[in-house]
C-alpha cells in the first residue's frame, strides 16, 4: 500500500509507503484530503492530466488601447502546476513585468517565473493592447 498526498501546510507532495492513511495528518486535515483524492487502488493520488491549466482573458478597459486581464487557473485539485508556458504569439515584453509573464520567444511565454501555482488557484495580470490570443502549451504537475 502506498501513494501520494498533497500536504497543504508545507505545500509539498508526500509519498506514503506501507500505511493506509498518512499518520502525520490530524483527522480533520485527513478528511479534507480524502475528499479530493481519486481512489484507484490504495492512496493513489489524482491524475491531473485532464485538468490542465486554462487561460481566460477578460476585457477590463475599453479605451484605446483596450485593457485585458489574463487569468491562468490551475484546475487540478491535488497538485500544484509548475513551469506553465503559454502560447502568446508576438506578445511584447514591454506590456507587463517579466516576473509576471515573461516572453521567452515567439509564441512562448512563461507565467510567474515558472513558480508553482497551488491546486485550484488563479494567477492574473493585466496588459493594455489589442487582444493577444493565448492558450497553455506546456506545464508540469509537481506531484507527478
Protein backbone atom coordinates (compact mmCIF):
# COMPACT_ATOMS: atom_id res chain seq x y z
CA UNK A 1 0.00 0.00 0.00
CA UNK A 2 1.26 3.46 -0.72
CA UNK A 3 0.74 6.57 -2.76
CA UNK A 4 0.99 10.34 -2.80
CA UNK A 5 -0.63 13.06 -0.76
CA UNK A 6 -0.61 16.82 -1.08
CA UNK A 7 0.43 18.47 2.21
CA UNK A 8 -1.47 21.76 2.38
CA UNK A 9 0.61 23.12 5.28
CA UNK A 10 4.03 22.70 3.71
CA UNK A 11 2.82 22.91 0.08
CA UNK A 12 4.69 19.71 -0.78
CA UNK A 13 3.82 16.33 -2.20
CA UNK A 14 4.47 13.46 0.22
CA UNK A 15 4.96 9.83 -0.65
CA UNK A 16 3.27 7.39 1.71
CA UNK A 17 4.63 3.85 1.93
CA UNK A 18 3.21 0.96 3.90
CA UNK A 19 0.26 2.71 5.54
CA UNK A 20 -3.44 3.04 4.88
CA UNK A 21 -3.51 6.74 5.75
CA UNK A 22 -0.94 9.44 6.47
CA UNK A 23 -0.41 9.11 10.23
CA UNK A 24 1.06 12.62 10.48
CA UNK A 25 -2.21 14.24 9.33
CA UNK A 26 -4.69 15.29 12.01
CA UNK A 27 -8.10 13.74 11.33
CA UNK A 28 -9.81 16.94 10.03
CA UNK A 29 -6.94 17.53 7.62
CA UNK A 30 -7.07 13.91 6.52
CA UNK A 31 -10.82 14.15 5.86
CA UNK A 32 -10.36 17.29 3.74
CA UNK A 33 -7.65 15.49 1.80
CA UNK A 34 -9.73 12.37 1.23
CA UNK A 35 -12.45 14.42 -0.48
CA UNK A 36 -10.03 15.40 -3.23
CA UNK A 37 -8.39 12.02 -3.86
CA UNK A 38 -9.44 9.87 -6.78
CA UNK A 39 -9.42 6.31 -5.45
CA UNK A 40 -7.98 3.57 -7.60
CA UNK A 41 -6.04 1.10 -5.56
CA UNK A 42 -4.83 2.38 -2.23
CA UNK A 43 -3.89 6.07 -1.80
CA UNK A 44 -3.13 6.69 -5.44
CA UNK A 45 -3.09 10.44 -5.98
CA UNK A 46 -5.38 12.05 -8.51
CA UNK A 47 -4.03 12.21 -12.01
CA UNK A 48 -4.47 15.74 -13.25
CA UNK A 49 -3.60 15.33 -16.90
CA UNK A 50 -7.22 16.01 -17.87
CA UNK A 51 -7.32 19.00 -15.52
CA UNK A 52 -4.52 21.07 -17.01
CA UNK A 53 -4.31 24.82 -16.59
CA UNK A 54 -6.62 27.12 -18.53
CA UNK A 55 -6.19 30.72 -19.68
CA UNK A 56 -9.06 33.19 -19.70
CA UNK A 57 -8.92 36.80 -20.87
CA UNK A 58 -11.46 39.43 -19.91
CA UNK A 59 -11.57 42.94 -21.32
CA UNK A 60 -11.48 45.27 -18.30
CA UNK A 61 -10.76 48.58 -20.04
CA UNK A 62 -12.38 49.96 -23.17
CA UNK A 63 -10.03 52.79 -24.05
CA UNK A 64 -7.57 52.89 -26.88
CA UNK A 65 -5.77 50.56 -26.48
CA UNK A 66 -8.14 48.23 -24.61
CA UNK A 67 -7.05 46.64 -21.32
CA UNK A 68 -7.25 42.89 -20.67
CA UNK A 69 -6.99 40.81 -17.52
CA UNK A 70 -5.43 37.39 -18.07
CA UNK A 71 -6.17 34.61 -15.57
CA UNK A 72 -4.26 31.34 -15.53
CA UNK A 73 -6.17 28.78 -13.47
CA UNK A 74 -4.79 25.51 -12.06
CA UNK A 75 -7.74 23.12 -12.42
CA UNK A 76 -6.09 20.25 -10.55
CA UNK A 77 -7.46 19.69 -7.03
CA UNK A 78 -4.42 17.71 -5.87
CA UNK A 79 -1.19 19.12 -7.21
CA UNK A 80 0.46 22.44 -7.92
CA UNK A 81 1.21 23.15 -11.55
CA UNK A 82 4.69 24.48 -12.34
CA UNK A 83 6.58 25.94 -15.28
CA UNK A 84 3.39 26.96 -17.12
CA UNK A 85 4.17 28.03 -20.69
CA UNK A 86 1.61 29.92 -22.74
CA UNK A 87 1.28 30.27 -26.50
CA UNK A 88 1.33 34.06 -26.72
CA UNK A 89 2.01 34.98 -30.36
CA UNK A 90 4.09 38.16 -30.69
CA UNK A 91 3.32 39.41 -27.17
CA UNK A 92 5.54 42.38 -26.31
CA UNK A 93 7.53 42.12 -23.07
CA UNK A 94 7.13 45.89 -22.63
CA UNK A 95 3.43 45.35 -21.77
CA UNK A 96 3.94 43.50 -18.45
CA UNK A 97 6.64 42.75 -15.88
CA UNK A 98 8.70 39.66 -16.78
CA UNK A 99 8.20 38.45 -13.19
CA UNK A 100 4.52 38.03 -14.04
CA UNK A 101 4.66 36.95 -17.67
CA UNK A 102 7.99 36.51 -19.43
CA UNK A 103 8.40 36.33 -23.18
CA UNK A 104 10.90 33.56 -23.98
CA UNK A 105 10.44 33.65 -27.74
CA UNK A 106 7.78 33.80 -30.45
CA UNK A 107 4.61 32.12 -29.14
CA UNK A 108 6.37 31.02 -25.92
CA UNK A 109 5.80 32.84 -22.63
CA UNK A 110 6.12 31.60 -19.04
CA UNK A 111 3.78 32.55 -16.18
CA UNK A 112 5.02 33.70 -12.75
CA UNK A 113 8.67 32.85 -13.50
CA UNK A 114 7.71 29.16 -13.65
CA UNK A 115 6.90 29.09 -9.93
CA UNK A 116 4.21 26.72 -8.58
CA UNK A 117 0.56 27.64 -8.81
CA UNK A 118 -1.24 25.84 -5.93
CA UNK A 119 -4.18 23.49 -6.56
CA UNK A 120 -7.35 25.26 -7.77
CA UNK A 121 -5.69 28.70 -7.60
CA UNK A 122 -5.52 31.50 -10.18
CA UNK A 123 -2.70 33.79 -11.24
CA UNK A 124 -3.58 37.01 -13.04
CA UNK A 125 -2.02 40.02 -14.72
CA UNK A 126 -3.21 42.90 -16.92
CA UNK A 127 -1.97 44.33 -20.19
CA UNK A 128 -3.11 47.20 -22.42
CA UNK A 129 -3.01 46.37 -26.13
CA UNK A 130 -5.15 44.73 -28.76
CA UNK A 131 -6.02 41.22 -27.59
CA UNK A 132 -3.34 38.57 -27.97
CA UNK A 133 -4.63 35.00 -28.38
CA UNK A 134 -3.29 32.88 -25.50
CA UNK A 135 -3.51 29.21 -24.58
CA UNK A 136 -1.50 26.82 -22.38
CA UNK A 137 1.20 24.89 -24.23
CA UNK A 138 3.46 23.16 -21.66
CA UNK A 139 3.15 22.60 -17.90
CA UNK A 140 4.10 20.09 -15.22
CA UNK A 141 2.33 18.87 -12.10
CA UNK A 142 4.59 18.86 -9.07
CA UNK A 143 3.10 15.63 -7.64
CA UNK A 144 3.74 13.53 -10.73
